[in-house]
Amino acid sequence: MLDQARQGDTGHGDYVDFFVTGMTAAGQYHCADCGYGVTVYATLPQCPMCSGTMWEPAAWTAVARTQRV
């Protein structure tokens, strides 16, 4: 079951894209293991808190929140 969660497979067609350390990315991400947040504009680092290597895009940004209001 943990493997399915890491892959973002909920069985209902909803999923979360995970990114790994070293991938080129821009934006806000949270460590999939501990939840630590980073903002990057180059490559995703290894998590400085738990050494995790899986990252999940942040659920919201200030821009997205402003557009909904």
N, C-alpha and C. Protein backbone atom coordinates (compact mmCIF):
# COMPACT_ATOMS: atom_id res chain seq x y z
N MET A 1 0.82 -1.19 0.00
CA MET A 1 0.00 0.00 0.00
C MET A 1 0.87 1.25 0.00
N LEU A 2 1.97 1.25 0.73
CA LEU A 2 2.85 2.41 0.75
C LEU A 2 3.41 2.68 -0.64
N ASP A 3 3.73 1.61 -1.39
CA ASP A 3 4.22 1.80 -2.75
C ASP A 3 3.17 2.49 -3.62
N GLN A 4 1.91 2.14 -3.45
CA GLN A 4 0.85 2.79 -4.21
C GLN A 4 0.74 4.27 -3.83
N ALA A 5 0.87 4.59 -2.56
CA ALA A 5 0.78 5.98 -2.12
C ALA A 5 1.94 6.79 -2.69
N ARG A 6 3.13 6.23 -2.70
CA ARG A 6 4.29 6.94 -3.24
C ARG A 6 4.13 7.19 -4.74
N GLN A 7 3.45 6.30 -5.42
CA GLN A 7 3.23 6.48 -6.84
C GLN A 7 2.03 7.36 -7.10
N GLY A 8 1.29 7.69 -6.07
CA GLY A 8 0.14 8.55 -6.21
C GLY A 8 -1.08 7.82 -6.71
N ASP A 9 -1.11 6.49 -6.66
CA ASP A 9 -2.22 5.71 -7.17
C ASP A 9 -3.25 5.50 -6.06
N THR A 10 -4.40 6.16 -6.17
CA THR A 10 -5.45 6.02 -5.17
C THR A 10 -6.51 5.04 -5.61
N GLY A 11 -6.43 4.59 -6.87
CA GLY A 11 -7.43 3.65 -7.36
C GLY A 11 -8.71 4.32 -7.82
N HIS A 12 -8.80 5.64 -7.74
CA HIS A 12 -9.99 6.35 -8.14
C HIS A 12 -9.73 7.30 -9.30
N GLY A 13 -8.61 7.14 -9.99
CA GLY A 13 -8.29 8.01 -11.09
C GLY A 13 -7.62 9.31 -10.67
N ASP A 14 -7.56 9.58 -9.38
CA ASP A 14 -6.86 10.76 -8.87
C ASP A 14 -5.43 10.35 -8.54
N TYR A 15 -4.50 11.23 -8.83
CA TYR A 15 -3.12 10.90 -8.51
C TYR A 15 -2.34 12.17 -8.25
N VAL A 16 -1.20 11.99 -7.63
CA VAL A 16 -0.29 13.09 -7.33
C VAL A 16 1.00 12.81 -8.07
N ASP A 17 1.48 13.79 -8.82
CA ASP A 17 2.77 13.63 -9.49
C ASP A 17 3.88 13.86 -8.49
N PHE A 18 4.78 12.90 -8.40
CA PHE A 18 5.95 13.05 -7.54
C PHE A 18 7.15 13.34 -8.41
N PHE A 19 8.07 14.12 -7.88
CA PHE A 19 9.30 14.46 -8.56
C PHE A 19 10.45 13.98 -7.69
N VAL A 20 11.58 13.65 -8.31
CA VAL A 20 12.70 13.12 -7.54
C VAL A 20 13.86 14.10 -7.54
N THR A 21 14.70 13.96 -6.54
CA THR A 21 15.90 14.77 -6.40
C THR A 21 16.68 14.75 -7.71
N GLY A 22 17.11 15.94 -8.14
CA GLY A 22 17.90 16.06 -9.36
C GLY A 22 17.08 16.48 -10.57
N MET A 23 15.75 16.37 -10.48
CA MET A 23 14.92 16.79 -11.61
C MET A 23 14.88 18.31 -11.68
N THR A 24 14.81 18.83 -12.90
CA THR A 24 14.65 20.27 -13.09
C THR A 24 13.22 20.65 -12.72
N ALA A 25 13.08 21.68 -11.91
CA ALA A 25 11.75 22.08 -11.45
C ALA A 25 11.76 23.56 -11.07
N ALA A 26 10.57 24.14 -11.07
CA ALA A 26 10.42 25.53 -10.63
C ALA A 26 9.12 25.63 -9.86
N GLY A 27 9.19 26.13 -8.64
CA GLY A 27 7.99 26.30 -7.83
C GLY A 27 8.19 25.82 -6.42
N GLN A 28 7.06 25.56 -5.75
CA GLN A 28 7.09 25.12 -4.35
C GLN A 28 6.80 23.63 -4.28
N TYR A 29 7.60 22.92 -3.49
CA TYR A 29 7.47 21.48 -3.34
C TYR A 29 7.60 21.11 -1.88
N HIS A 30 7.01 19.96 -1.52
CA HIS A 30 7.10 19.43 -0.16
C HIS A 30 7.67 18.03 -0.23
N CYS A 31 8.53 17.73 0.73
CA CYS A 31 9.11 16.39 0.82
C CYS A 31 7.99 15.38 1.06
N ALA A 32 7.97 14.31 0.29
CA ALA A 32 6.94 13.29 0.43
C ALA A 32 7.10 12.51 1.73
N ASP A 33 8.30 12.52 2.33
CA ASP A 33 8.52 11.78 3.57
C ASP A 33 8.21 12.59 4.82
N CYS A 34 8.70 13.84 4.89
CA CYS A 34 8.54 14.60 6.13
C CYS A 34 7.72 15.88 5.98
N GLY A 35 7.44 16.30 4.74
CA GLY A 35 6.62 17.49 4.53
C GLY A 35 7.40 18.79 4.47
N TYR A 36 8.71 18.74 4.59
CA TYR A 36 9.53 19.95 4.52
C TYR A 36 9.30 20.64 3.18
N GLY A 37 9.16 21.97 3.19
CA GLY A 37 8.88 22.71 1.97
C GLY A 37 10.09 23.45 1.43
N VAL A 38 10.20 23.47 0.09
CA VAL A 38 11.25 24.21 -0.58
C VAL A 38 10.66 24.97 -1.76
N THR A 39 11.32 26.04 -2.14
CA THR A 39 11.01 26.75 -3.37
C THR A 39 12.26 26.66 -4.23
N VAL A 40 12.11 26.12 -5.44
CA VAL A 40 13.27 25.92 -6.30
C VAL A 40 13.02 26.52 -7.68
N TYR A 41 14.12 26.87 -8.33
CA TYR A 41 14.08 27.37 -9.71
C TYR A 41 15.19 26.73 -10.52
N ALA A 42 15.62 25.55 -10.14
CA ALA A 42 16.69 24.85 -10.84
C ALA A 42 16.44 23.34 -10.72
N THR A 43 17.14 22.68 -9.83
CA THR A 43 16.93 21.25 -9.63
C THR A 43 16.50 20.98 -8.19
N LEU A 44 15.69 19.96 -8.03
CA LEU A 44 15.22 19.60 -6.69
C LEU A 44 16.37 19.00 -5.88
N PRO A 45 16.56 19.47 -4.66
CA PRO A 45 17.64 18.95 -3.81
C PRO A 45 17.20 17.70 -3.06
N GLN A 46 18.12 17.11 -2.35
CA GLN A 46 17.78 16.09 -1.37
C GLN A 46 17.22 16.84 -0.18
N CYS A 47 16.20 16.31 0.48
CA CYS A 47 15.59 17.00 1.61
C CYS A 47 16.63 17.22 2.71
N PRO A 48 16.81 18.48 3.14
CA PRO A 48 17.79 18.76 4.18
C PRO A 48 17.36 18.29 5.57
N MET A 49 16.09 17.97 5.75
CA MET A 49 15.60 17.54 7.06
C MET A 49 15.70 16.03 7.26
N CYS A 50 15.30 15.26 6.22
CA CYS A 50 15.23 13.80 6.41
C CYS A 50 15.99 13.01 5.34
N SER A 51 16.64 13.71 4.42
CA SER A 51 17.38 13.10 3.31
C SER A 51 16.48 12.41 2.30
N GLY A 52 15.19 12.75 2.30
CA GLY A 52 14.26 12.18 1.33
C GLY A 52 14.58 12.63 -0.08
N THR A 53 14.11 11.87 -1.05
CA THR A 53 14.39 12.19 -2.46
C THR A 53 13.13 12.32 -3.30
N MET A 54 11.96 12.22 -2.69
CA MET A 54 10.69 12.34 -3.40
C MET A 54 10.03 13.66 -3.02
N TRP A 55 9.59 14.42 -4.02
CA TRP A 55 8.98 15.73 -3.80
C TRP A 55 7.60 15.78 -4.43
N GLU A 56 6.71 16.48 -3.78
CA GLU A 56 5.32 16.66 -4.23
C GLU A 56 5.08 18.15 -4.43
N PRO A 57 4.46 18.54 -5.56
CA PRO A 57 4.18 19.96 -5.74
C PRO A 57 3.28 20.49 -4.62
N ALA A 58 3.50 21.73 -4.22
CA ALA A 58 2.67 22.34 -3.18
C ALA A 58 1.23 22.40 -3.66
N ALA A 59 0.30 22.26 -2.74
CA ALA A 59 -1.13 22.22 -3.07
C ALA A 59 -1.64 23.56 -3.58
N TRP A 60 -1.03 24.64 -3.14
CA TRP A 60 -1.49 25.96 -3.59
C TRP A 60 -0.32 26.92 -3.60
N THR A 61 -0.49 27.98 -4.34
CA THR A 61 0.47 29.06 -4.34
C THR A 61 -0.29 30.36 -4.15
N ALA A 62 0.37 31.42 -3.82
CA ALA A 62 -0.30 32.70 -3.64
C ALA A 62 -0.98 33.15 -4.92
N VAL A 63 -0.38 32.88 -6.06
CA VAL A 63 -0.97 33.26 -7.34
C VAL A 63 -2.24 32.47 -7.59
N ALA A 64 -2.21 31.17 -7.39
CA ALA A 64 -3.39 30.33 -7.62
C ALA A 64 -4.50 30.72 -6.66
N ARG A 65 -4.15 31.02 -5.43
CA ARG A 65 -5.15 31.42 -4.44
C ARG A 65 -5.80 32.74 -4.83
N THR A 66 -5.01 33.69 -5.32
CA THR A 66 -5.54 34.99 -5.74
C THR A 66 -6.48 34.82 -6.92
N GLN A 67 -6.16 33.95 -7.85
CA GLN A 67 -6.99 33.75 -9.04
C GLN A 67 -8.34 33.15 -8.68
N ARG A 68 -8.42 32.35 -7.62
CA ARG A 68 -9.70 31.75 -7.22
C ARG A 68 -10.61 32.77 -6.56
N VAL A 69 -10.02 33.78 -5.88
CA VAL A 69 -10.82 34.76 -5.15
C VAL A 69 -11.45 35.73 -6.05
